[in-house]
Amino acid sequence: MATDPARAEVLARLAATIESRREADPASSYVASLLAKGGDAILKKIGEEATETVMASKDGAPDRVAAEMADLWFHCLVLLAHHGLSPADVFAELERREGRSGHDEKASRR
């Protein structure tokens, strides 16, 4: 089993691949086509993938949950790239929240 840093590297490599596709021909690159369509198209895909993840879970299909979650994470990485962000930004936010009560964290956002 890979260590946590090694798994984080998978996200970093995938994010780098997504970023490298930014200037690709949208006709030949799925990522380039999504980025060219803009935020609404990316959000629509995230909604679709989130729904498919929920349905796989409701069906009690762990293998499908993992596969759909991979699709969801992928599209979330595209959204991060759309906003000029990376997995490192998300990790930094998770580290900031680490050790805090979820109730306290939510209350601090008001």
PDB file of N, CA and C in Angstrom:
ATOM      1  N   MET A   1       0.838  -1.176   0.000  1.00  0.00           N
ATOM      2  CA  MET A   1       0.000   0.000   0.000  1.00  0.00           C
ATOM      3  C   MET A   1       0.885   1.241   0.000  1.00  0.00           C
ATOM      4  N   ALA A   2       0.533   2.205  -0.832  1.00  0.00           N
ATOM      5  CA  ALA A   2       1.332   3.428  -0.940  1.00  0.00           C
ATOM      6  C   ALA A   2       1.159   4.282   0.316  1.00  0.00           C
ATOM      7  N   THR A   3       2.172   5.059   0.603  1.00  0.00           N
ATOM      8  CA  THR A   3       2.082   5.962   1.746  1.00  0.00           C
ATOM      9  C   THR A   3       1.228   7.165   1.378  1.00  0.00           C
ATOM     10  N   ASP A   4       0.760   7.887   2.372  1.00  0.00           N
ATOM     11  CA  ASP A   4      -0.076   9.060   2.108  1.00  0.00           C
ATOM     12  C   ASP A   4       0.609  10.082   1.202  1.00  0.00           C
ATOM     13  N   PRO A   5       1.901  10.407   1.445  1.00  0.00           N
ATOM     14  CA  PRO A   5       2.555  11.344   0.519  1.00  0.00           C
ATOM     15  C   PRO A   5       2.567  10.829  -0.914  1.00  0.00           C
ATOM     16  N   ALA A   6       2.748   9.528  -1.084  1.00  0.00           N
ATOM     17  CA  ALA A   6       2.752   8.969  -2.437  1.00  0.00           C
ATOM     18  C   ALA A   6       1.376   9.113  -3.068  1.00  0.00           C
ATOM     19  N   ARG A   7       0.331   8.950  -2.299  1.00  0.00           N
ATOM     20  CA  ARG A   7      -1.023   9.107  -2.831  1.00  0.00           C
ATOM     21  C   ARG A   7      -1.300  10.571  -3.146  1.00  0.00           C
ATOM     22  N   ALA A   8      -0.799  11.468  -2.335  1.00  0.00           N
ATOM     23  CA  ALA A   8      -0.948  12.892  -2.646  1.00  0.00           C
ATOM     24  C   ALA A   8      -0.230  13.225  -3.944  1.00  0.00           C
ATOM     25  N   GLU A   9       0.878  12.531  -4.208  1.00  0.00           N
ATOM     26  CA  GLU A   9       1.617  12.736  -5.453  1.00  0.00           C
ATOM     27  C   GLU A   9       0.785  12.349  -6.666  1.00  0.00           C
ATOM     28  N   VAL A  10      -0.072  11.349  -6.525  1.00  0.00           N
ATOM     29  CA  VAL A  10      -0.960  10.968  -7.626  1.00  0.00           C
ATOM     30  C   VAL A  10      -1.843  12.161  -7.992  1.00  0.00           C
ATOM     31  N   LEU A  11      -2.408  12.815  -6.984  1.00  0.00           N
ATOM     32  CA  LEU A  11      -3.228  14.003  -7.251  1.00  0.00           C
ATOM     33  C   LEU A  11      -2.411  15.110  -7.889  1.00  0.00           C
ATOM     34  N   ALA A  12      -1.198  15.310  -7.397  1.00  0.00           N
ATOM     35  CA  ALA A  12      -0.337  16.354  -7.955  1.00  0.00           C
ATOM     36  C   ALA A  12       0.012  16.056  -9.418  1.00  0.00           C
ATOM     37  N   ARG A  13       0.316  14.798  -9.725  1.00  0.00           N
ATOM     38  CA  ARG A  13       0.626  14.437 -11.116  1.00  0.00           C
ATOM     39  C   ARG A  13      -0.591  14.615 -12.016  1.00  0.00           C
ATOM     40  N   LEU A  14      -1.746  14.206 -11.525  1.00  0.00           N
ATOM     41  CA  LEU A  14      -2.967  14.367 -12.306  1.00  0.00           C
ATOM     42  C   LEU A  14      -3.272  15.849 -12.524  1.00  0.00           C
ATOM     43  N   ALA A  15      -3.094  16.658 -11.489  1.00  0.00           N
ATOM     44  CA  ALA A  15      -3.310  18.103 -11.627  1.00  0.00           C
ATOM     45  C   ALA A  15      -2.336  18.696 -12.646  1.00  0.00           C
ATOM     46  N   ALA A  16      -1.099  18.231 -12.642  1.00  0.00           N
ATOM     47  CA  ALA A  16      -0.112  18.726 -13.613  1.00  0.00           C
ATOM     48  C   ALA A  16      -0.509  18.326 -15.030  1.00  0.00           C
ATOM     49  N   THR A  17      -1.016  17.119 -15.188  1.00  0.00           N
ATOM     50  CA  THR A  17      -1.480  16.676 -16.505  1.00  0.00           C
ATOM     51  C   THR A  17      -2.651  17.543 -16.964  1.00  0.00           C
ATOM     52  N   ILE A  18      -3.591  17.791 -16.061  1.00  0.00           N
ATOM     53  CA  ILE A  18      -4.737  18.650 -16.391  1.00  0.00           C
ATOM     54  C   ILE A  18      -4.244  20.029 -16.816  1.00  0.00           C
ATOM     55  N   GLU A  19      -3.319  20.585 -16.065  1.00  0.00           N
ATOM     56  CA  GLU A  19      -2.786  21.921 -16.396  1.00  0.00           C
ATOM     57  C   GLU A  19      -2.102  21.903 -17.759  1.00  0.00           C
ATOM     58  N   SER A  20      -1.394  20.823 -18.059  1.00  0.00           N
ATOM     59  CA  SER A  20      -0.693  20.743 -19.343  1.00  0.00           C
ATOM     60  C   SER A  20      -1.658  20.662 -20.523  1.00  0.00           C
ATOM     61  N   ARG A  21      -2.868  20.254 -20.270  1.00  0.00           N
ATOM     62  CA  ARG A  21      -3.868  20.145 -21.339  1.00  0.00           C
ATOM     63  C   ARG A  21      -4.617  21.452 -21.572  1.00  0.00           C
ATOM     64  N   ARG A  22      -4.383  22.430 -20.738  1.00  0.00           N
ATOM     65  CA  ARG A  22      -5.089  23.714 -20.834  1.00  0.00           C
ATOM     66  C   ARG A  22      -4.992  24.318 -22.240  1.00  0.00           C
ATOM     67  N   GLU A  23      -3.825  24.242 -22.852  1.00  0.00           N
ATOM     68  CA  GLU A  23      -3.594  24.844 -24.170  1.00  0.00           C
ATOM     69  C   GLU A  23      -3.760  23.857 -25.318  1.00  0.00           C
ATOM     70  N   ALA A  24      -4.190  22.636 -24.990  1.00  0.00           N
ATOM     71  CA  ALA A  24      -4.370  21.620 -26.038  1.00  0.00           C
ATOM     72  C   ALA A  24      -5.589  21.954 -26.899  1.00  0.00           C
ATOM     73  N   ASP A  25      -5.674  21.291 -28.014  1.00  0.00           N
ATOM     74  CA  ASP A  25      -6.812  21.451 -28.916  1.00  0.00           C
ATOM     75  C   ASP A  25      -8.040  20.815 -28.258  1.00  0.00           C
ATOM     76  N   PRO A  26      -9.101  21.596 -28.035  1.00  0.00           N
ATOM     77  CA  PRO A  26     -10.308  21.032 -27.419  1.00  0.00           C
ATOM     78  C   PRO A  26     -10.902  19.867 -28.205  1.00  0.00           C
ATOM     79  N   ALA A  27     -10.625  19.786 -29.489  1.00  0.00           N
ATOM     80  CA  ALA A  27     -11.135  18.671 -30.289  1.00  0.00           C
ATOM     81  C   ALA A  27     -10.412  17.364 -29.966  1.00  0.00           C
ATOM     82  N   SER A  28      -9.202  17.469 -29.416  1.00  0.00           N
ATOM     83  CA  SER A  28      -8.428  16.262 -29.142  1.00  0.00           C
ATOM     84  C   SER A  28      -8.215  15.997 -27.653  1.00  0.00           C
ATOM     85  N   SER A  29      -8.639  16.926 -26.786  1.00  0.00           N
ATOM     86  CA  SER A  29      -8.422  16.766 -25.349  1.00  0.00           C
ATOM     87  C   SER A  29      -9.716  17.034 -24.594  1.00  0.00           C
ATOM     88  N   TYR A  30     -10.155  16.026 -23.843  1.00  0.00           N
ATOM     89  CA  TYR A  30     -11.360  16.177 -23.033  1.00  0.00           C
ATOM     90  C   TYR A  30     -11.188  17.324 -22.036  1.00  0.00           C
ATOM     91  N   VAL A  31     -10.046  17.379 -21.359  1.00  0.00           N
ATOM     92  CA  VAL A  31      -9.796  18.434 -20.374  1.00  0.00           C
ATOM     93  C   VAL A  31      -9.818  19.801 -21.045  1.00  0.00           C
ATOM     94  N   ALA A  32      -9.139  19.934 -22.163  1.00  0.00           N
ATOM     95  CA  ALA A  32      -9.135  21.216 -22.875  1.00  0.00           C
ATOM     96  C   ALA A  32     -10.546  21.614 -23.284  1.00  0.00           C
ATOM     97  N   SER A  33     -11.352  20.642 -23.705  1.00  0.00           N
ATOM     98  CA  SER A  33     -12.723  20.967 -24.108  1.00  0.00           C
ATOM     99  C   SER A  33     -13.551  21.435 -22.915  1.00  0.00           C
ATOM    100  N   LEU A  34     -13.373  20.797 -21.760  1.00  0.00           N
ATOM    101  CA  LEU A  34     -14.104  21.242 -20.562  1.00  0.00           C
ATOM    102  C   LEU A  34     -13.665  22.638 -20.137  1.00  0.00           C
ATOM    103  N   LEU A  35     -12.351  22.863 -20.102  1.00  0.00           N
ATOM    104  CA  LEU A  35     -11.847  24.178 -19.708  1.00  0.00           C
ATOM    105  C   LEU A  35     -12.302  25.256 -20.687  1.00  0.00           C
ATOM    106  N   ALA A  36     -12.361  24.931 -21.984  1.00  0.00           N
ATOM    107  CA  ALA A  36     -12.798  25.899 -22.986  1.00  0.00           C
ATOM    108  C   ALA A  36     -14.276  26.246 -22.823  1.00  0.00           C
ATOM    109  N   LYS A  37     -15.065  25.276 -22.377  1.00  0.00           N
ATOM    110  CA  LYS A  37     -16.497  25.518 -22.179  1.00  0.00           C
ATOM    111  C   LYS A  37     -16.760  26.381 -20.947  1.00  0.00           C
ATOM    112  N   GLY A  38     -15.843  26.356 -19.990  1.00  0.00           N
ATOM    113  CA  GLY A  38     -15.965  27.217 -18.824  1.00  0.00           C
ATOM    114  C   GLY A  38     -16.568  26.545 -17.601  1.00  0.00           C
ATOM    115  N   GLY A  39     -16.725  27.379 -16.593  1.00  0.00           N
ATOM    116  CA  GLY A  39     -17.144  26.909 -15.275  1.00  0.00           C
ATOM    117  C   GLY A  39     -18.467  26.170 -15.251  1.00  0.00           C
ATOM    118  N   ASP A  40     -19.461  26.653 -15.982  1.00  0.00           N
ATOM    119  CA  ASP A  40     -20.761  25.997 -15.930  1.00  0.00           C
ATOM    120  C   ASP A  40     -20.695  24.561 -16.430  1.00  0.00           C
ATOM    121  N   ALA A  41     -19.940  24.312 -17.487  1.00  0.00           N
ATOM    122  CA  ALA A  41     -19.803  22.949 -18.012  1.00  0.00           C
ATOM    123  C   ALA A  41     -19.081  22.053 -17.011  1.00  0.00           C
ATOM    124  N   ILE A  42     -18.069  22.594 -16.359  1.00  0.00           N
ATOM    125  CA  ILE A  42     -17.329  21.827 -15.357  1.00  0.00           C
ATOM    126  C   ILE A  42     -18.244  21.514 -14.177  1.00  0.00           C
ATOM    127  N   LEU A  43     -18.999  22.505 -13.731  1.00  0.00           N
ATOM    128  CA  LEU A  43     -19.916  22.287 -12.607  1.00  0.00           C
ATOM    129  C   LEU A  43     -20.992  21.266 -12.952  1.00  0.00           C
ATOM    130  N   LYS A  44     -21.467  21.285 -14.174  1.00  0.00           N
ATOM    131  CA  LYS A  44     -22.459  20.302 -14.604  1.00  0.00           C
ATOM    132  C   LYS A  44     -21.881  18.891 -14.501  1.00  0.00           C
ATOM    133  N   LYS A  45     -20.628  18.708 -14.954  1.00  0.00           N
ATOM    134  CA  LYS A  45     -19.986  17.393 -14.859  1.00  0.00           C
ATOM    135  C   LYS A  45     -19.803  16.979 -13.403  1.00  0.00           C
ATOM    136  N   ILE A  46     -19.442  17.919 -12.545  1.00  0.00           N
ATOM    137  CA  ILE A  46     -19.286  17.589 -11.128  1.00  0.00           C
ATOM    138  C   ILE A  46     -20.631  17.150 -10.554  1.00  0.00           C
ATOM    139  N   GLY A  47     -21.694  17.846 -10.908  1.00  0.00           N
ATOM    140  CA  GLY A  47     -23.019  17.447 -10.448  1.00  0.00           C
ATOM    141  C   GLY A  47     -23.393  16.056 -10.921  1.00  0.00           C
ATOM    142  N   GLU A  48     -23.109  15.755 -12.177  1.00  0.00           N
ATOM    143  CA  GLU A  48     -23.398  14.421 -12.726  1.00  0.00           C
ATOM    144  C   GLU A  48     -22.609  13.347 -11.983  1.00  0.00           C
ATOM    145  N   GLU A  49     -21.330  13.612 -11.792  1.00  0.00           N
ATOM    146  CA  GLU A  49     -20.481  12.610 -11.138  1.00  0.00           C
ATOM    147  C   GLU A  49     -20.862  12.443  -9.671  1.00  0.00           C
ATOM    148  N   ALA A  50     -21.236  13.537  -9.006  1.00  0.00           N
ATOM    149  CA  ALA A  50     -21.674  13.439  -7.609  1.00  0.00           C
ATOM    150  C   ALA A  50     -22.945  12.592  -7.519  1.00  0.00           C
ATOM    151  N   THR A  51     -23.872  12.819  -8.438  1.00  0.00           N
ATOM    152  CA  THR A  51     -25.111  12.035  -8.451  1.00  0.00           C
ATOM    153  C   THR A  51     -24.815  10.562  -8.695  1.00  0.00           C
ATOM    154  N   GLU A  52     -23.916  10.263  -9.633  1.00  0.00           N
ATOM    155  CA  GLU A  52     -23.557   8.874  -9.909  1.00  0.00           C
ATOM    156  C   GLU A  52     -22.882   8.226  -8.699  1.00  0.00           C
ATOM    157  N   THR A  53     -22.103   9.001  -7.953  1.00  0.00           N
ATOM    158  CA  THR A  53     -21.467   8.494  -6.737  1.00  0.00           C
ATOM    159  C   THR A  53     -22.535   8.162  -5.694  1.00  0.00           C
ATOM    160  N   VAL A  54     -23.488   9.056  -5.520  1.00  0.00           N
ATOM    161  CA  VAL A  54     -24.574   8.831  -4.569  1.00  0.00           C
ATOM    162  C   VAL A  54     -25.367   7.580  -4.950  1.00  0.00           C
ATOM    163  N   MET A  55     -25.673   7.438  -6.219  1.00  0.00           N
ATOM    164  CA  MET A  55     -26.461   6.292  -6.663  1.00  0.00           C
ATOM    165  C   MET A  55     -25.698   4.980  -6.459  1.00  0.00           C
ATOM    166  N   ALA A  56     -24.408   4.981  -6.725  1.00  0.00           N
ATOM    167  CA  ALA A  56     -23.602   3.781  -6.501  1.00  0.00           C
ATOM    168  C   ALA A  56     -23.605   3.410  -5.024  1.00  0.00           C
ATOM    169  N   SER A  57     -23.531   4.410  -4.161  1.00  0.00           N
ATOM    170  CA  SER A  57     -23.569   4.154  -2.724  1.00  0.00           C
ATOM    171  C   SER A  57     -24.935   3.620  -2.309  1.00  0.00           C
ATOM    172  N   LYS A  58     -25.989   4.243  -2.804  1.00  0.00           N
ATOM    173  CA  LYS A  58     -27.349   3.780  -2.478  1.00  0.00           C
ATOM    174  C   LYS A  58     -27.557   2.342  -2.942  1.00  0.00           C
ATOM    175  N   ASP A  59     -26.919   1.971  -4.056  1.00  0.00           N
ATOM    176  CA  ASP A  59     -27.029   0.611  -4.580  1.00  0.00           C
ATOM    177  C   ASP A  59     -26.154  -0.374  -3.813  1.00  0.00           C
ATOM    178  N   GLY A  60     -25.345   0.121  -2.882  1.00  0.00           N
ATOM    179  CA  GLY A  60     -24.457  -0.752  -2.113  1.00  0.00           C
ATOM    180  C   GLY A  60     -23.380  -1.388  -2.967  1.00  0.00           C
ATOM    181  N   ALA A  61     -22.822  -0.599  -3.898  1.00  0.00           N
ATOM    182  CA  ALA A  61     -21.821  -1.115  -4.838  1.00  0.00           C
ATOM    183  C   ALA A  61     -20.472  -0.443  -4.593  1.00  0.00           C
ATOM    184  N   PRO A  62     -19.686  -0.959  -3.642  1.00  0.00           N
ATOM    185  CA  PRO A  62     -18.419  -0.300  -3.290  1.00  0.00           C
ATOM    186  C   PRO A  62     -17.468  -0.089  -4.459  1.00  0.00           C
ATOM    187  N   ASP A  63     -17.364  -1.050  -5.376  1.00  0.00           N
ATOM    188  CA  ASP A  63     -16.469  -0.874  -6.524  1.00  0.00           C
ATOM    189  C   ASP A  63     -16.922   0.298  -7.385  1.00  0.00           C
ATOM    190  N   ARG A  64     -18.225   0.427  -7.585  1.00  0.00           N
ATOM    191  CA  ARG A  64     -18.756   1.554  -8.357  1.00  0.00           C
ATOM    192  C   ARG A  64     -18.579   2.862  -7.600  1.00  0.00           C
ATOM    193  N   VAL A  65     -18.713   2.825  -6.267  1.00  0.00           N
ATOM    194  CA  VAL A  65     -18.488   4.046  -5.474  1.00  0.00           C
ATOM    195  C   VAL A  65     -17.068   4.543  -5.724  1.00  0.00           C
ATOM    196  N   ALA A  66     -16.089   3.650  -5.660  1.00  0.00           N
ATOM    197  CA  ALA A  66     -14.694   4.046  -5.877  1.00  0.00           C
ATOM    198  C   ALA A  66     -14.499   4.591  -7.287  1.00  0.00           C
ATOM    199  N   ALA A  67     -15.091   3.942  -8.284  1.00  0.00           N
ATOM    200  CA  ALA A  67     -14.934   4.388  -9.671  1.00  0.00           C
ATOM    201  C   ALA A  67     -15.604   5.747  -9.888  1.00  0.00           C
ATOM    202  N   GLU A  68     -16.803   5.909  -9.356  1.00  0.00           N
ATOM    203  CA  GLU A  68     -17.504   7.188  -9.515  1.00  0.00           C
ATOM    204  C   GLU A  68     -16.812   8.296  -8.734  1.00  0.00           C
ATOM    205  N   MET A  69     -16.272   7.950  -7.555  1.00  0.00           N
ATOM    206  CA  MET A  69     -15.542   8.945  -6.771  1.00  0.00           C
ATOM    207  C   MET A  69     -14.295   9.389  -7.519  1.00  0.00           C
ATOM    208  N   ALA A  70     -13.636   8.468  -8.209  1.00  0.00           N
ATOM    209  CA  ALA A  70     -12.469   8.835  -9.017  1.00  0.00           C
ATOM    210  C   ALA A  70     -12.880   9.827 -10.103  1.00  0.00           C
ATOM    211  N   ASP A  71     -14.029   9.577 -10.745  1.00  0.00           N
ATOM    212  CA  ASP A  71     -14.531  10.527 -11.749  1.00  0.00           C
ATOM    213  C   ASP A  71     -14.829  11.882 -11.119  1.00  0.00           C
ATOM    214  N   LEU A  72     -15.444  11.852  -9.940  1.00  0.00           N
ATOM    215  CA  LEU A  72     -15.780  13.098  -9.245  1.00  0.00           C
ATOM    216  C   LEU A  72     -14.515  13.869  -8.877  1.00  0.00           C
ATOM    217  N   TRP A  73     -13.538  13.189  -8.318  1.00  0.00           N
ATOM    218  CA  TRP A  73     -12.287  13.860  -7.953  1.00  0.00           C
ATOM    219  C   TRP A  73     -11.608  14.436  -9.183  1.00  0.00           C
ATOM    220  N   PHE A  74     -11.596  13.670 -10.276  1.00  0.00           N
ATOM    221  CA  PHE A  74     -10.990  14.154 -11.505  1.00  0.00           C
ATOM    222  C   PHE A  74     -11.630  15.477 -11.934  1.00  0.00           C
ATOM    223  N   HIS A  75     -12.951  15.506 -11.958  1.00  0.00           N
ATOM    224  CA  HIS A  75     -13.629  16.725 -12.396  1.00  0.00           C
ATOM    225  C   HIS A  75     -13.445  17.863 -11.393  1.00  0.00           C
ATOM    226  N   CYS A  76     -13.300  17.539 -10.118  1.00  0.00           N
ATOM    227  CA  CYS A  76     -12.975  18.573  -9.129  1.00  0.00           C
ATOM    228  C   CYS A  76     -11.576  19.140  -9.377  1.00  0.00           C
ATOM    229  N   LEU A  77     -10.649  18.296  -9.803  1.00  0.00           N
ATOM    230  CA  LEU A  77      -9.317  18.788 -10.158  1.00  0.00           C
ATOM    231  C   LEU A  77      -9.378  19.711 -11.369  1.00  0.00           C
ATOM    232  N   VAL A  78     -10.249  19.404 -12.322  1.00  0.00           N
ATOM    233  CA  VAL A  78     -10.435  20.304 -13.471  1.00  0.00           C
ATOM    234  C   VAL A  78     -10.984  21.645 -12.981  1.00  0.00           C
ATOM    235  N   LEU A  79     -11.920  21.601 -12.036  1.00  0.00           N
ATOM    236  CA  LEU A  79     -12.469  22.846 -11.487  1.00  0.00           C
ATOM    237  C   LEU A  79     -11.388  23.655 -10.766  1.00  0.00           C
ATOM    238  N   LEU A  80     -10.540  22.972 -10.001  1.00  0.00           N
ATOM    239  CA  LEU A  80      -9.427  23.675  -9.352  1.00  0.00           C
ATOM    240  C   LEU A  80      -8.562  24.375 -10.396  1.00  0.00           C
ATOM    241  N   ALA A  81      -8.226  23.671 -11.471  1.00  0.00           N
ATOM    242  CA  ALA A  81      -7.401  24.260 -12.533  1.00  0.00           C
ATOM    243  C   ALA A  81      -8.110  25.456 -13.156  1.00  0.00           C
ATOM    244  N   HIS A  82      -9.411  25.344 -13.337  1.00  0.00           N
ATOM    245  CA  HIS A  82     -10.195  26.450 -13.888  1.00  0.00           C
ATOM    246  C   HIS A  82     -10.019  27.715 -13.040  1.00  0.00           C
ATOM    247  N   HIS A  83      -9.892  27.527 -11.734  1.00  0.00           N
ATOM    248  CA  HIS A  83      -9.749  28.659 -10.808  1.00  0.00           C
ATOM    249  C   HIS A  83      -8.292  28.975 -10.471  1.00  0.00           C
ATOM    250  N   GLY A  84      -7.353  28.323 -11.156  1.00  0.00           N
ATOM    251  CA  GLY A  84      -5.939  28.579 -10.885  1.00  0.00           C
ATOM    252  C   GLY A  84      -5.468  27.998  -9.567  1.00  0.00           C
ATOM    253  N   LEU A  85      -6.137  26.956  -9.097  1.00  0.00           N
ATOM    254  CA  LEU A  85      -5.787  26.314  -7.833  1.00  0.00           C
ATOM    255  C   LEU A  85      -5.236  24.919  -8.099  1.00  0.00           C
ATOM    256  N   SER A  86      -4.702  24.306  -7.042  1.00  0.00           N
ATOM    257  CA  SER A  86      -4.145  22.957  -7.159  1.00  0.00           C
ATOM    258  C   SER A  86      -4.534  22.154  -5.923  1.00  0.00           C
ATOM    259  N   PRO A  87      -4.254  20.856  -5.943  1.00  0.00           N
ATOM    260  CA  PRO A  87      -4.511  20.058  -4.743  1.00  0.00           C
ATOM    261  C   PRO A  87      -3.784  20.609  -3.515  1.00  0.00           C
ATOM    262  N   ALA A  88      -2.639  21.239  -3.711  1.00  0.00           N
ATOM    263  CA  ALA A  88      -1.903  21.812  -2.574  1.00  0.00           C
ATOM    264  C   ALA A  88      -2.747  22.853  -1.840  1.00  0.00           C
ATOM    265  N   ASP A  89      -3.554  23.600  -2.575  1.00  0.00           N
ATOM    266  CA  ASP A  89      -4.424  24.585  -1.936  1.00  0.00           C
ATOM    267  C   ASP A  89      -5.479  23.909  -1.067  1.00  0.00           C
ATOM    268  N   VAL A  90      -5.995  22.789  -1.536  1.00  0.00           N
ATOM    269  CA  VAL A  90      -6.993  22.043  -0.767  1.00  0.00           C
ATOM    270  C   VAL A  90      -6.331  21.412   0.457  1.00  0.00           C
ATOM    271  N   PHE A  91      -5.130  20.827   0.269  1.00  0.00           N
ATOM    272  CA  PHE A  91      -4.422  20.252   1.405  1.00  0.00           C
ATOM    273  C   PHE A  91      -4.132  21.316   2.461  1.00  0.00           C
ATOM    274  N   ALA A  92      -3.760  22.504   2.036  1.00  0.00           N
ATOM    275  CA  ALA A  92      -3.487  23.587   2.993  1.00  0.00           C
ATOM    276  C   ALA A  92      -4.741  23.931   3.795  1.00  0.00           C
ATOM    277  N   GLU A  93      -5.877  23.953   3.130  1.00  0.00           N
ATOM    278  CA  GLU A  93      -7.127  24.255   3.834  1.00  0.00           C
ATOM    279  C   GLU A  93      -7.495  23.128   4.792  1.00  0.00           C
ATOM    280  N   LEU A  94      -7.306  21.882   4.373  1.00  0.00           N
ATOM    281  CA  LEU A  94      -7.580  20.759   5.277  1.00  0.00           C
ATOM    282  C   LEU A  94      -6.653  20.787   6.488  1.00  0.00           C
ATOM    283  N   GLU A  95      -5.382  21.119   6.259  1.00  0.00           N
ATOM    284  CA  GLU A  95      -4.442  21.230   7.378  1.00  0.00           C
ATOM    285  C   GLU A  95      -4.855  22.347   8.325  1.00  0.00           C
ATOM    286  N   ARG A  96      -5.347  23.461   7.768  1.00  0.00           N
ATOM    287  CA  ARG A  96      -5.799  24.571   8.610  1.00  0.00           C
ATOM    288  C   ARG A  96      -6.954  24.123   9.509  1.00  0.00           C
ATOM    289  N   ARG A  97      -7.807  23.276   8.984  1.00  0.00           N
ATOM    290  CA  ARG A  97      -8.978  22.823   9.736  1.00  0.00           C
ATOM    291  C   ARG A  97      -8.693  21.653  10.667  1.00  0.00           C
ATOM    292  N   GLU A  98      -7.568  20.977  10.446  1.00  0.00           N
ATOM    293  CA  GLU A  98      -7.269  19.764  11.205  1.00  0.00           C
ATOM    294  C   GLU A  98      -7.301  20.029  12.708  1.00  0.00           C
ATOM    295  N   GLY A  99      -7.969  19.127  13.414  1.00  0.00           N
ATOM    296  CA  GLY A  99      -8.036  19.233  14.868  1.00  0.00           C
ATOM    297  C   GLY A  99      -9.131  20.152  15.368  1.00  0.00           C
ATOM    298  N   ARG A 100      -9.851  20.791  14.466  1.00  0.00           N
ATOM    299  CA  ARG A 100     -10.954  21.666  14.868  1.00  0.00           C
ATOM    300  C   ARG A 100     -12.256  20.897  14.779  1.00  0.00           C
ATOM    301  N   SER A 101     -13.149  21.210  15.666  1.00  0.00           N
ATOM    302  CA  SER A 101     -14.484  20.634  15.606  1.00  0.00           C
ATOM    303  C   SER A 101     -15.167  21.087  14.318  1.00  0.00           C
ATOM    304  N   GLY A 102     -15.859  20.174  13.664  1.00  0.00           N
ATOM    305  CA  GLY A 102     -16.607  20.528  12.468  1.00  0.00           C
ATOM    306  C   GLY A 102     -17.653  21.591  12.754  1.00  0.00           C
ATOM    307  N   HIS A 103     -18.255  21.529  13.936  1.00  0.00           N
ATOM    308  CA  HIS A 103     -19.236  22.545  14.319  1.00  0.00           C
ATOM    309  C   HIS A 103     -18.573  23.912  14.460  1.00  0.00           C
ATOM    310  N   ASP A 104     -17.387  23.940  15.094  1.00  0.00           N
ATOM    311  CA  ASP A 104     -16.662  25.204  15.255  1.00  0.00           C
ATOM    312  C   ASP A 104     -16.232  25.765  13.895  1.00  0.00           C
ATOM    313  N   GLU A 105     -15.748  24.885  13.027  1.00  0.00           N
ATOM    314  CA  GLU A 105     -15.307  25.317  11.704  1.00  0.00           C
ATOM    315  C   GLU A 105     -16.467  25.915  10.931  1.00  0.00           C
ATOM    316  N   LYS A 106     -17.596  25.259  10.936  1.00  0.00           N
ATOM    317  CA  LYS A 106     -18.761  25.752  10.211  1.00  0.00           C
ATOM    318  C   LYS A 106     -19.218  27.100  10.776  1.00  0.00           C
ATOM    319  N   ALA A 107     -19.231  27.223  12.111  1.00  0.00           N
ATOM    320  CA  ALA A 107     -19.653  28.475  12.747  1.00  0.00           C
ATOM    321  C   ALA A 107     -18.708  29.625  12.398  1.00  0.00           C
ATOM    322  N   SER A 108     -17.421  29.326  12.188  1.00  0.00           N
ATOM    323  CA  SER A 108     -16.461  30.389  11.880  1.00  0.00           C
ATOM    324  C   SER A 108     -16.652  30.965  10.484  1.00  0.00           C
ATOM    325  N   ARG A 109     -17.408  30.289   9.638  1.00  0.00           N
ATOM    326  CA  ARG A 109     -17.617  30.746   8.261  1.00  0.00           C
ATOM    327  C   ARG A 109     -18.791  31.707   8.143  1.00  0.00           C
ATOM    328  N   ARG A 110     -19.505  31.967   9.201  1.00  0.00           N
ATOM    329  CA  ARG A 110     -20.669  32.858   9.129  1.00  0.00           C
ATOM    330  C   ARG A 110     -20.272  34.297   9.053  1.00  0.00           C
TER     331      ARG A 110
END
